[in-house]
Amino acid sequence: MPRHTTALLLCLASLLLPAPASAQGDTQMDPRSMGGGDCAQNPLNCRDTPNPLPPTDTVWLEQMTWMDVRDALAAGKRSVLIPTGGIEPNGPWVALGKHNVILQANCEAIARRLGNALCAPVIKHVPEGDIDPPTGHMRTPGTISLRDDTFRALLTDTAESLIAGGFTEVLFIGDSGGNQSGQQAAAEALAGKYAGRAHVFHVPAYYDYDAVIAHMAGKGLVEGSQEGLHDDAFTTLNMYVVDPGSVRYEARRAAGRASINGVDLSDAARNAELGRQIVAFRAVFTVEAIKTLRAAAAR
């Protein structure tokens, strides 16, 4: 048989073969399908199949199964926090992911205090300065920056994905100053687009470090002279609660460097207690601000 005839027959045969499920489109799947598979093939892919496992205690979406999220929504957890951090230099002792580490503790504390909320994965890449030529934190190796329009698009797509999944309140909390304007712009645009379906808020109070400093001063934690580093005792202790290694605690203590701005960090138990107090205060302060935003939107 001529080569071109063989090729033609193979082509025709491929057209007659059934396409894989992923290529057939959702119209070929059982309309009750969820979870990444076809309900017709396995009942564990069906919208209304009971979760075969007990409820999980996490508030982090990325640690949940789709059934966990479905059941949380049904139980009234329809608020979702979108935390934004950053990858930037923070002096010689503190990991580049400082803001992301802090949010691991703080987003969870806020969500649990709200009671009806979950945490989306931390958005770790944010605006840190111009990339070429480099400005701001981009002058330091290891920094990762997003353009402002990229950041806003990322916030928008993340929020709209969650609204499409059934969440009716989206809360942006940013642990870095450069995140605030992008969050505000995205929240305002989304609030208008989804009016009547979902509330979208930027929560600037989360980043009110003056309130944290004032509160902790009442607890006896007061910084002395500034060392001129992009670091401070409050953020260091907030990180310590999550991971002492992220502030190089053991290495600093061994080198006699376990202090910042006049605050002694050599006592591990004291660090943990002060860190927990910071997390707790930021959760209370942020939740009260969220309640104020909700009340204003309801008027």
C-alpha atoms as a PDB file:
ATOM      1  CA  MET A   1       0.000   0.000   0.000  1.00  0.00           C
ATOM      2  CA  PRO A   2       1.418   3.436  -0.894  1.00  0.00           C
ATOM      3  CA  ARG A   3       2.822   5.361   2.032  1.00  0.00           C
ATOM      4  CA  HIS A   4       0.440   8.305   1.581  1.00  0.00           C
ATOM      5  CA  THR A   5      -2.573   5.947   1.569  1.00  0.00           C
ATOM      6  CA  THR A   6      -1.434   4.387   4.851  1.00  0.00           C
ATOM      7  CA  ALA A   7      -1.065   7.814   6.422  1.00  0.00           C
ATOM      8  CA  LEU A   8      -4.542   8.814   5.215  1.00  0.00           C
ATOM      9  CA  LEU A   9      -6.117   5.653   6.667  1.00  0.00           C
ATOM     10  CA  LEU A  10      -4.398   6.184  10.012  1.00  0.00           C
ATOM     11  CA  CYS A  11      -5.656   9.757  10.083  1.00  0.00           C
ATOM     12  CA  LEU A  12      -9.230   8.655   9.347  1.00  0.00           C
ATOM     13  CA  ALA A  13      -9.011   5.932  11.980  1.00  0.00           C
ATOM     14  CA  SER A  14      -7.895   8.456  14.599  1.00  0.00           C
ATOM     15  CA  LEU A  15     -10.941  10.580  13.821  1.00  0.00           C
ATOM     16  CA  LEU A  16     -13.233   7.618  14.421  1.00  0.00           C
ATOM     17  CA  LEU A  17     -11.689   6.685  17.774  1.00  0.00           C
ATOM     18  CA  PRO A  18     -13.411   8.126  20.845  1.00  0.00           C
ATOM     19  CA  ALA A  19     -11.617  11.149  22.251  1.00  0.00           C
ATOM     20  CA  PRO A  20     -10.284  10.972  25.779  1.00  0.00           C
ATOM     21  CA  ALA A  21     -12.601  12.346  28.436  1.00  0.00           C
ATOM     22  CA  SER A  22     -10.502  15.480  28.905  1.00  0.00           C
ATOM     23  CA  ALA A  23     -10.842  16.306  25.198  1.00  0.00           C
ATOM     24  CA  GLN A  24     -14.576  15.678  24.993  1.00  0.00           C
ATOM     25  CA  GLY A  25     -15.436  18.644  27.160  1.00  0.00           C
ATOM     26  CA  ASP A  26     -17.735  18.929  30.129  1.00  0.00           C
ATOM     27  CA  THR A  27     -20.795  18.256  27.941  1.00  0.00           C
ATOM     28  CA  GLN A  28     -19.801  14.561  27.772  1.00  0.00           C
ATOM     29  CA  MET A  29     -19.547  14.211  31.549  1.00  0.00           C
ATOM     30  CA  ASP A  30     -22.310  13.579  34.039  1.00  0.00           C
ATOM     31  CA  PRO A  31     -23.556  17.041  35.112  1.00  0.00           C
ATOM     32  CA  ARG A  32     -23.151  16.000  38.749  1.00  0.00           C
ATOM     33  CA  SER A  33     -19.384  15.621  38.276  1.00  0.00           C
ATOM     34  CA  MET A  34     -16.907  17.299  40.620  1.00  0.00           C
ATOM     35  CA  GLY A  35     -13.482  16.516  41.989  1.00  0.00           C
ATOM     36  CA  GLY A  36     -11.657  16.184  38.685  1.00  0.00           C
ATOM     37  CA  GLY A  37     -13.374  13.000  37.486  1.00  0.00           C
ATOM     38  CA  ASP A  38     -16.631  11.797  35.980  1.00  0.00           C
ATOM     39  CA  CYS A  39     -19.494  11.013  38.357  1.00  0.00           C
ATOM     40  CA  ALA A  40     -20.626   8.286  35.950  1.00  0.00           C
ATOM     41  CA  GLN A  41     -17.321   6.476  36.424  1.00  0.00           C
ATOM     42  CA  ASN A  42     -16.991   6.728  40.200  1.00  0.00           C
ATOM     43  CA  PRO A  43     -19.487   7.975  42.806  1.00  0.00           C
ATOM     44  CA  LEU A  44     -16.645   9.735  44.640  1.00  0.00           C
ATOM     45  CA  ASN A  45     -16.690  12.186  41.717  1.00  0.00           C
ATOM     46  CA  CYS A  46     -20.342  13.085  42.335  1.00  0.00           C
ATOM     47  CA  ARG A  47     -21.432  16.444  43.700  1.00  0.00           C
ATOM     48  CA  ASP A  48     -23.593  15.049  46.502  1.00  0.00           C
ATOM     49  CA  THR A  49     -21.538  12.041  47.601  1.00  0.00           C
ATOM     50  CA  PRO A  50     -20.848  12.243  51.354  1.00  0.00           C
ATOM     51  CA  ASN A  51     -17.235  12.811  52.324  1.00  0.00           C
ATOM     52  CA  PRO A  52     -15.803   9.372  53.211  1.00  0.00           C
ATOM     53  CA  LEU A  53     -13.386  10.999  55.692  1.00  0.00           C
ATOM     54  CA  PRO A  54     -14.041  12.978  58.890  1.00  0.00           C
ATOM     55  CA  PRO A  55     -13.920  16.797  58.682  1.00  0.00           C
ATOM     56  CA  THR A  56     -10.454  18.337  58.617  1.00  0.00           C
ATOM     57  CA  ASP A  57      -9.458  20.977  61.152  1.00  0.00           C
ATOM     58  CA  THR A  58      -7.397  23.124  58.783  1.00  0.00           C
ATOM     59  CA  VAL A  59      -8.491  26.538  57.495  1.00  0.00           C
ATOM     60  CA  TRP A  60      -6.072  26.431  54.534  1.00  0.00           C
ATOM     61  CA  LEU A  61      -7.688  25.670  51.186  1.00  0.00           C
ATOM     62  CA  GLU A  62      -4.570  24.019  49.792  1.00  0.00           C
ATOM     63  CA  GLN A  63      -4.622  21.471  52.633  1.00  0.00           C
ATOM     64  CA  MET A  64      -8.265  20.557  52.035  1.00  0.00           C
ATOM     65  CA  THR A  65      -9.885  18.173  49.581  1.00  0.00           C
ATOM     66  CA  TRP A  66     -12.636  19.430  47.310  1.00  0.00           C
ATOM     67  CA  MET A  67     -15.157  17.648  49.532  1.00  0.00           C
ATOM     68  CA  ASP A  68     -13.741  19.439  52.575  1.00  0.00           C
ATOM     69  CA  VAL A  69     -14.269  22.789  50.863  1.00  0.00           C
ATOM     70  CA  ARG A  70     -17.734  21.835  49.632  1.00  0.00           C
ATOM     71  CA  ASP A  71     -18.765  20.844  53.142  1.00  0.00           C
ATOM     72  CA  ALA A  72     -17.212  23.961  54.689  1.00  0.00           C
ATOM     73  CA  LEU A  73     -19.203  26.154  52.294  1.00  0.00           C
ATOM     74  CA  ALA A  74     -22.372  24.256  53.132  1.00  0.00           C
ATOM     75  CA  ALA A  75     -21.657  24.811  56.831  1.00  0.00           C
ATOM     76  CA  GLY A  76     -21.508  28.570  56.293  1.00  0.00           C
ATOM     77  CA  LYS A  77     -17.789  29.186  55.803  1.00  0.00           C
ATOM     78  CA  ARG A  78     -18.286  31.473  52.830  1.00  0.00           C
ATOM     79  CA  SER A  79     -15.616  34.068  53.628  1.00  0.00           C
ATOM     80  CA  VAL A  80     -12.115  33.612  52.286  1.00  0.00           C
ATOM     81  CA  LEU A  81      -8.938  35.520  53.088  1.00  0.00           C
ATOM     82  CA  ILE A  82      -6.438  36.104  50.294  1.00  0.00           C
ATOM     83  CA  PRO A  83      -3.101  36.826  52.005  1.00  0.00           C
ATOM     84  CA  THR A  84      -0.267  38.488  50.081  1.00  0.00           C
ATOM     85  CA  GLY A  85       3.347  38.403  51.219  1.00  0.00           C
ATOM     86  CA  GLY A  86       6.532  38.867  49.223  1.00  0.00           C
ATOM     87  CA  ILE A  87      10.058  37.677  48.466  1.00  0.00           C
ATOM     88  CA  GLU A  88      12.403  40.486  49.480  1.00  0.00           C
ATOM     89  CA  PRO A  89      15.573  41.245  51.493  1.00  0.00           C
ATOM     90  CA  ASN A  90      15.083  41.657  55.241  1.00  0.00           C
ATOM     91  CA  GLY A  91      18.531  42.269  56.641  1.00  0.00           C
ATOM     92  CA  PRO A  92      21.219  39.663  57.312  1.00  0.00           C
ATOM     93  CA  TRP A  93      19.267  37.479  59.755  1.00  0.00           C
ATOM     94  CA  VAL A  94      15.799  37.075  58.291  1.00  0.00           C
ATOM     95  CA  ALA A  95      14.694  34.869  55.380  1.00  0.00           C
ATOM     96  CA  LEU A  96      13.562  36.449  52.109  1.00  0.00           C
ATOM     97  CA  GLY A  97      10.093  34.981  52.620  1.00  0.00           C
ATOM     98  CA  LYS A  98       9.499  36.941  55.849  1.00  0.00           C
ATOM     99  CA  HIS A  99       6.015  38.125  54.925  1.00  0.00           C
ATOM    100  CA  ASN A 100       4.936  34.687  53.762  1.00  0.00           C
ATOM    101  CA  VAL A 101       6.100  33.092  57.017  1.00  0.00           C
ATOM    102  CA  ILE A 102       4.218  35.682  59.080  1.00  0.00           C
ATOM    103  CA  LEU A 103       1.021  35.050  57.140  1.00  0.00           C
ATOM    104  CA  GLN A 104       1.118  31.350  57.964  1.00  0.00           C
ATOM    105  CA  ALA A 105       0.385  32.271  61.569  1.00  0.00           C
ATOM    106  CA  ASN A 106      -1.686  35.394  61.091  1.00  0.00           C
ATOM    107  CA  CYS A 107      -4.088  34.292  58.351  1.00  0.00           C
ATOM    108  CA  GLU A 108      -4.946  31.160  60.294  1.00  0.00           C
ATOM    109  CA  ALA A 109      -5.513  33.138  63.499  1.00  0.00           C
ATOM    110  CA  ILE A 110      -7.764  35.626  61.696  1.00  0.00           C
ATOM    111  CA  ALA A 111      -9.762  32.912  59.931  1.00  0.00           C
ATOM    112  CA  ARG A 112     -10.332  30.984  63.140  1.00  0.00           C
ATOM    113  CA  ARG A 113     -11.384  34.116  65.005  1.00  0.00           C
ATOM    114  CA  LEU A 114     -13.838  35.046  62.244  1.00  0.00           C
ATOM    115  CA  GLY A 115     -15.268  31.546  62.487  1.00  0.00           C
ATOM    116  CA  ASN A 116     -16.782  31.534  59.003  1.00  0.00           C
ATOM    117  CA  ALA A 117     -13.575  31.962  56.994  1.00  0.00           C
ATOM    118  CA  LEU A 118     -10.874  29.988  55.216  1.00  0.00           C
ATOM    119  CA  CYS A 119      -7.438  31.035  53.939  1.00  0.00           C
ATOM    120  CA  ALA A 120      -6.469  30.893  50.271  1.00  0.00           C
ATOM    121  CA  PRO A 121      -2.809  30.028  49.619  1.00  0.00           C
ATOM    122  CA  VAL A 122      -0.427  32.895  50.360  1.00  0.00           C
ATOM    123  CA  ILE A 123       0.327  34.910  47.220  1.00  0.00           C
ATOM    124  CA  LYS A 124       4.098  35.007  47.560  1.00  0.00           C
ATOM    125  CA  HIS A 125       5.066  37.128  44.556  1.00  0.00           C
ATOM    126  CA  VAL A 126       4.154  40.819  44.744  1.00  0.00           C
ATOM    127  CA  PRO A 127       5.486  44.180  43.477  1.00  0.00           C
ATOM    128  CA  GLU A 128       8.956  44.779  44.933  1.00  0.00           C
ATOM    129  CA  GLY A 129      10.308  47.373  42.469  1.00  0.00           C
ATOM    130  CA  ASP A 130      11.063  47.727  38.781  1.00  0.00           C
ATOM    131  CA  ILE A 131      12.785  44.719  37.258  1.00  0.00           C
ATOM    132  CA  ASP A 132      14.902  46.338  34.521  1.00  0.00           C
ATOM    133  CA  PRO A 133      16.551  48.581  35.454  1.00  0.00           C
ATOM    134  CA  PRO A 134      16.109  47.365  39.028  1.00  0.00           C
ATOM    135  CA  THR A 135      14.694  49.679  41.671  1.00  0.00           C
ATOM    136  CA  GLY A 136      13.617  49.213  45.279  1.00  0.00           C
ATOM    137  CA  HIS A 137      14.156  45.723  46.628  1.00  0.00           C
ATOM    138  CA  MET A 138      15.033  44.491  43.139  1.00  0.00           C
ATOM    139  CA  ARG A 139      18.528  45.862  43.743  1.00  0.00           C
ATOM    140  CA  THR A 140      19.091  42.855  46.021  1.00  0.00           C
ATOM    141  CA  PRO A 141      19.596  39.331  44.601  1.00  0.00           C
ATOM    142  CA  GLY A 142      16.921  36.808  45.440  1.00  0.00           C
ATOM    143  CA  THR A 143      14.072  39.310  45.239  1.00  0.00           C
ATOM    144  CA  ILE A 144      11.132  38.434  42.988  1.00  0.00           C
ATOM    145  CA  SER A 145       8.903  41.224  41.734  1.00  0.00           C
ATOM    146  CA  LEU A 146       5.641  41.465  39.828  1.00  0.00           C
ATOM    147  CA  ARG A 147       4.516  44.373  37.709  1.00  0.00           C
ATOM    148  CA  ASP A 148       1.573  46.210  39.234  1.00  0.00           C
ATOM    149  CA  ASP A 149      -0.813  45.088  36.487  1.00  0.00           C
ATOM    150  CA  THR A 150       0.367  41.475  36.868  1.00  0.00           C
ATOM    151  CA  PHE A 151      -0.251  41.620  40.609  1.00  0.00           C
ATOM    152  CA  ARG A 152      -3.733  43.071  40.174  1.00  0.00           C
ATOM    153  CA  ALA A 153      -4.548  40.450  37.559  1.00  0.00           C
ATOM    154  CA  LEU A 154      -3.373  37.708  39.920  1.00  0.00           C
ATOM    155  CA  LEU A 155      -5.529  39.083  42.739  1.00  0.00           C
ATOM    156  CA  THR A 156      -8.502  39.409  40.405  1.00  0.00           C
ATOM    157  CA  ASP A 157      -8.256  35.900  38.989  1.00  0.00           C
ATOM    158  CA  THR A 158      -7.774  34.402  42.437  1.00  0.00           C
ATOM    159  CA  ALA A 159     -10.785  36.228  43.866  1.00  0.00           C
ATOM    160  CA  GLU A 160     -13.010  35.450  40.898  1.00  0.00           C
ATOM    161  CA  SER A 161     -12.071  31.770  41.063  1.00  0.00           C
ATOM    162  CA  LEU A 162     -13.148  31.649  44.683  1.00  0.00           C
ATOM    163  CA  ILE A 163     -16.375  33.527  44.030  1.00  0.00           C
ATOM    164  CA  ALA A 164     -17.153  31.103  41.192  1.00  0.00           C
ATOM    165  CA  GLY A 165     -16.685  28.276  43.709  1.00  0.00           C
ATOM    166  CA  GLY A 166     -19.293  29.683  46.065  1.00  0.00           C
ATOM    167  CA  PHE A 167     -17.544  32.116  48.404  1.00  0.00           C
ATOM    168  CA  THR A 168     -19.552  35.275  49.062  1.00  0.00           C
ATOM    169  CA  GLU A 169     -16.900  37.369  50.831  1.00  0.00           C
ATOM    170  CA  VAL A 170     -13.291  37.920  49.769  1.00  0.00           C
ATOM    171  CA  LEU A 171     -10.842  39.664  52.098  1.00  0.00           C
ATOM    172  CA  PHE A 172      -7.424  40.853  50.900  1.00  0.00           C
ATOM    173  CA  ILE A 173      -4.783  41.123  53.655  1.00  0.00           C
ATOM    174  CA  GLY A 174      -1.277  42.224  52.694  1.00  0.00           C
ATOM    175  CA  ASP A 175       1.768  41.891  54.936  1.00  0.00           C
ATOM    176  CA  SER A 176       3.888  44.328  52.915  1.00  0.00           C
ATOM    177  CA  GLY A 177       3.467  48.003  52.151  1.00  0.00           C
ATOM    178  CA  GLY A 178       3.854  47.602  48.404  1.00  0.00           C
ATOM    179  CA  ASN A 179       0.844  45.286  48.277  1.00  0.00           C
ATOM    180  CA  GLN A 180      -1.711  47.731  49.615  1.00  0.00           C
ATOM    181  CA  SER A 181      -2.536  49.892  46.585  1.00  0.00           C
ATOM    182  CA  GLY A 182      -2.919  46.898  44.264  1.00  0.00           C
ATOM    183  CA  GLN A 183      -5.220  45.184  46.734  1.00  0.00           C
ATOM    184  CA  GLN A 184      -7.308  48.324  47.106  1.00  0.00           C
ATOM    185  CA  ALA A 185      -7.673  48.727  43.341  1.00  0.00           C
ATOM    186  CA  ALA A 186      -8.554  45.066  42.797  1.00  0.00           C
ATOM    187  CA  ALA A 187     -11.069  45.075  45.653  1.00  0.00           C
ATOM    188  CA  GLU A 188     -12.839  48.191  44.390  1.00  0.00           C
ATOM    189  CA  ALA A 189     -13.150  46.817  40.857  1.00  0.00           C
ATOM    190  CA  LEU A 190     -14.373  43.418  42.046  1.00  0.00           C
ATOM    191  CA  ALA A 191     -16.808  44.897  44.557  1.00  0.00           C
ATOM    192  CA  GLY A 192     -18.510  46.765  41.729  1.00  0.00           C
ATOM    193  CA  LYS A 193     -18.523  43.796  39.382  1.00  0.00           C
ATOM    194  CA  TYR A 194     -19.957  41.360  41.936  1.00  0.00           C
ATOM    195  CA  ALA A 195     -22.313  43.693  43.796  1.00  0.00           C
ATOM    196  CA  GLY A 196     -25.283  41.678  45.021  1.00  0.00           C
ATOM    197  CA  ARG A 197     -23.391  38.396  44.698  1.00  0.00           C
ATOM    198  CA  ALA A 198     -20.259  38.809  46.806  1.00  0.00           C
ATOM    199  CA  HIS A 199     -18.487  41.383  48.965  1.00  0.00           C
ATOM    200  CA  VAL A 200     -14.820  42.065  48.257  1.00  0.00           C
ATOM    201  CA  PHE A 201     -12.760  44.043  50.770  1.00  0.00           C
ATOM    202  CA  HIS A 202      -9.206  45.279  51.079  1.00  0.00           C
ATOM    203  CA  VAL A 203      -8.383  45.260  54.813  1.00  0.00           C
ATOM    204  CA  PRO A 204      -5.706  47.946  55.367  1.00  0.00           C
ATOM    205  CA  ALA A 205      -5.895  47.589  59.160  1.00  0.00           C
ATOM    206  CA  TYR A 206      -4.077  44.267  58.910  1.00  0.00           C
ATOM    207  CA  TYR A 207      -0.903  46.211  57.995  1.00  0.00           C
ATOM    208  CA  ASP A 208      -1.190  48.732  60.834  1.00  0.00           C
ATOM    209  CA  TYR A 209       2.149  48.105  62.525  1.00  0.00           C
ATOM    210  CA  ASP A 210       1.817  51.253  64.643  1.00  0.00           C
ATOM    211  CA  ALA A 211      -1.112  49.557  66.402  1.00  0.00           C
ATOM    212  CA  VAL A 212       1.014  46.442  66.977  1.00  0.00           C
ATOM    213  CA  ILE A 213       3.880  48.521  68.382  1.00  0.00           C
ATOM    214  CA  ALA A 214       1.552  50.421  70.717  1.00  0.00           C
ATOM    215  CA  HIS A 215      -0.146  47.249  71.937  1.00  0.00           C
ATOM    216  CA  MET A 216       3.106  45.400  72.599  1.00  0.00           C
ATOM    217  CA  ALA A 217       4.575  48.432  74.399  1.00  0.00           C
ATOM    218  CA  GLY A 218       1.811  47.873  76.943  1.00  0.00           C
ATOM    219  CA  LYS A 219       3.128  44.315  77.312  1.00  0.00           C
ATOM    220  CA  GLY A 220       6.645  45.554  77.977  1.00  0.00           C
ATOM    221  CA  LEU A 221       8.074  45.024  74.497  1.00  0.00           C
ATOM    222  CA  VAL A 222       9.690  48.296  73.434  1.00  0.00           C
ATOM    223  CA  GLU A 223      12.461  48.656  70.890  1.00  0.00           C
ATOM    224  CA  GLY A 224      15.492  50.779  71.616  1.00  0.00           C
ATOM    225  CA  SER A 225      17.797  52.455  69.118  1.00  0.00           C
ATOM    226  CA  GLN A 226      17.244  51.373  65.527  1.00  0.00           C
ATOM    227  CA  GLU A 227      20.023  49.406  63.858  1.00  0.00           C
ATOM    228  CA  GLY A 228      19.161  50.621  60.359  1.00  0.00           C
ATOM    229  CA  LEU A 229      18.197  47.165  59.103  1.00  0.00           C
ATOM    230  CA  HIS A 230      15.043  46.115  57.248  1.00  0.00           C
ATOM    231  CA  ASP A 231      14.083  44.138  60.332  1.00  0.00           C
ATOM    232  CA  ASP A 232      12.486  44.711  63.737  1.00  0.00           C
ATOM    233  CA  ALA A 233      11.562  42.805  66.867  1.00  0.00           C
ATOM    234  CA  PHE A 234       7.844  42.606  66.094  1.00  0.00           C
ATOM    235  CA  THR A 235       8.171  40.923  62.696  1.00  0.00           C
ATOM    236  CA  THR A 236      11.009  38.713  63.932  1.00  0.00           C
ATOM    237  CA  LEU A 237       8.910  37.441  66.844  1.00  0.00           C
ATOM    238  CA  ASN A 238       5.886  36.999  64.581  1.00  0.00           C
ATOM    239  CA  MET A 239       8.052  34.757  62.389  1.00  0.00           C
ATOM    240  CA  TYR A 240       9.548  32.928  65.359  1.00  0.00           C
ATOM    241  CA  VAL A 241       6.136  31.486  66.244  1.00  0.00           C
ATOM    242  CA  VAL A 242       6.024  29.720  62.879  1.00  0.00           C
ATOM    243  CA  ASP A 243       9.664  28.808  62.312  1.00  0.00           C
ATOM    244  CA  PRO A 244      12.643  29.887  64.462  1.00  0.00           C
ATOM    245  CA  GLY A 245      14.853  28.857  61.576  1.00  0.00           C
ATOM    246  CA  SER A 246      13.381  31.601  59.406  1.00  0.00           C
ATOM    247  CA  VAL A 247      15.101  34.167  61.660  1.00  0.00           C
ATOM    248  CA  ARG A 248      18.270  32.029  62.005  1.00  0.00           C
ATOM    249  CA  TYR A 249      17.615  31.793  65.738  1.00  0.00           C
ATOM    250  CA  GLU A 250      20.104  29.072  66.717  1.00  0.00           C
ATOM    251  CA  ALA A 251      22.901  30.454  64.548  1.00  0.00           C
ATOM    252  CA  ARG A 252      22.326  33.995  65.846  1.00  0.00           C
ATOM    253  CA  ARG A 253      22.296  32.868  69.449  1.00  0.00           C
ATOM    254  CA  ALA A 254      25.506  30.904  68.949  1.00  0.00           C
ATOM    255  CA  ALA A 255      27.113  33.959  67.331  1.00  0.00           C
ATOM    256  CA  GLY A 256      25.904  36.379  70.006  1.00  0.00           C
ATOM    257  CA  ARG A 257      23.556  38.052  67.498  1.00  0.00           C
ATOM    258  CA  ALA A 258      20.198  37.129  69.036  1.00  0.00           C
ATOM    259  CA  SER A 259      18.875  40.668  69.313  1.00  0.00           C
ATOM    260  CA  ILE A 260      17.395  43.393  67.118  1.00  0.00           C
ATOM    261  CA  ASN A 261      16.940  47.090  67.880  1.00  0.00           C
ATOM    262  CA  GLY A 262      17.857  46.542  71.509  1.00  0.00           C
ATOM    263  CA  VAL A 263      15.426  43.647  72.065  1.00  0.00           C
ATOM    264  CA  ASP A 264      17.034  40.498  73.446  1.00  0.00           C
ATOM    265  CA  LEU A 265      15.889  37.368  71.535  1.00  0.00           C
ATOM    266  CA  SER A 266      18.043  34.807  73.320  1.00  0.00           C
ATOM    267  CA  ASP A 267      15.224  33.407  75.501  1.00  0.00           C
ATOM    268  CA  ALA A 268      13.314  30.892  73.369  1.00  0.00           C
ATOM    269  CA  ALA A 269      10.336  30.617  75.734  1.00  0.00           C
ATOM    270  CA  ARG A 270       9.968  34.390  75.938  1.00  0.00           C
ATOM    271  CA  ASN A 271      10.220  34.693  72.159  1.00  0.00           C
ATOM    272  CA  ALA A 272       7.417  32.178  71.696  1.00  0.00           C
ATOM    273  CA  GLU A 273       5.151  33.898  74.210  1.00  0.00           C
ATOM    274  CA  LEU A 274       5.712  37.376  72.761  1.00  0.00           C
ATOM    275  CA  GLY A 275       5.223  36.009  69.256  1.00  0.00           C
ATOM    276  CA  ARG A 276       1.906  34.438  70.242  1.00  0.00           C
ATOM    277  CA  GLN A 277       0.795  37.745  71.746  1.00  0.00           C
ATOM    278  CA  ILE A 278       1.605  39.548  68.508  1.00  0.00           C
ATOM    279  CA  VAL A 279      -0.320  37.009  66.421  1.00  0.00           C
ATOM    280  CA  ALA A 280      -3.302  37.163  68.773  1.00  0.00           C
ATOM    281  CA  PHE A 281      -3.418  40.955  68.764  1.00  0.00           C
ATOM    282  CA  ARG A 282      -3.161  41.196  64.989  1.00  0.00           C
ATOM    283  CA  ALA A 283      -6.001  38.691  64.648  1.00  0.00           C
ATOM    284  CA  VAL A 284      -8.261  40.610  67.043  1.00  0.00           C
ATOM    285  CA  PHE A 285      -7.399  43.973  65.496  1.00  0.00           C
ATOM    286  CA  THR A 286      -7.959  42.725  61.938  1.00  0.00           C
ATOM    287  CA  VAL A 287     -11.238  40.971  62.736  1.00  0.00           C
ATOM    288  CA  GLU A 288     -12.612  44.148  64.327  1.00  0.00           C
ATOM    289  CA  ALA A 289     -11.651  46.053  61.173  1.00  0.00           C
ATOM    290  CA  ILE A 290     -13.392  43.437  59.021  1.00  0.00           C
ATOM    291  CA  LYS A 291     -16.539  43.795  61.108  1.00  0.00           C
ATOM    292  CA  THR A 292     -16.415  47.551  60.530  1.00  0.00           C
ATOM    293  CA  LEU A 293     -16.083  47.041  56.770  1.00  0.00           C
ATOM    294  CA  ARG A 294     -19.013  44.630  56.787  1.00  0.00           C
ATOM    295  CA  ALA A 295     -21.172  47.079  58.729  1.00  0.00           C
ATOM    296  CA  ALA A 296     -20.357  49.902  56.336  1.00  0.00           C
ATOM    297  CA  ALA A 297     -21.199  47.734  53.315  1.00  0.00           C
ATOM    298  CA  ALA A 298     -24.548  46.763  54.881  1.00  0.00           C
ATOM    299  CA  ARG A 299     -25.683  50.370  55.241  1.00  0.00           C
END
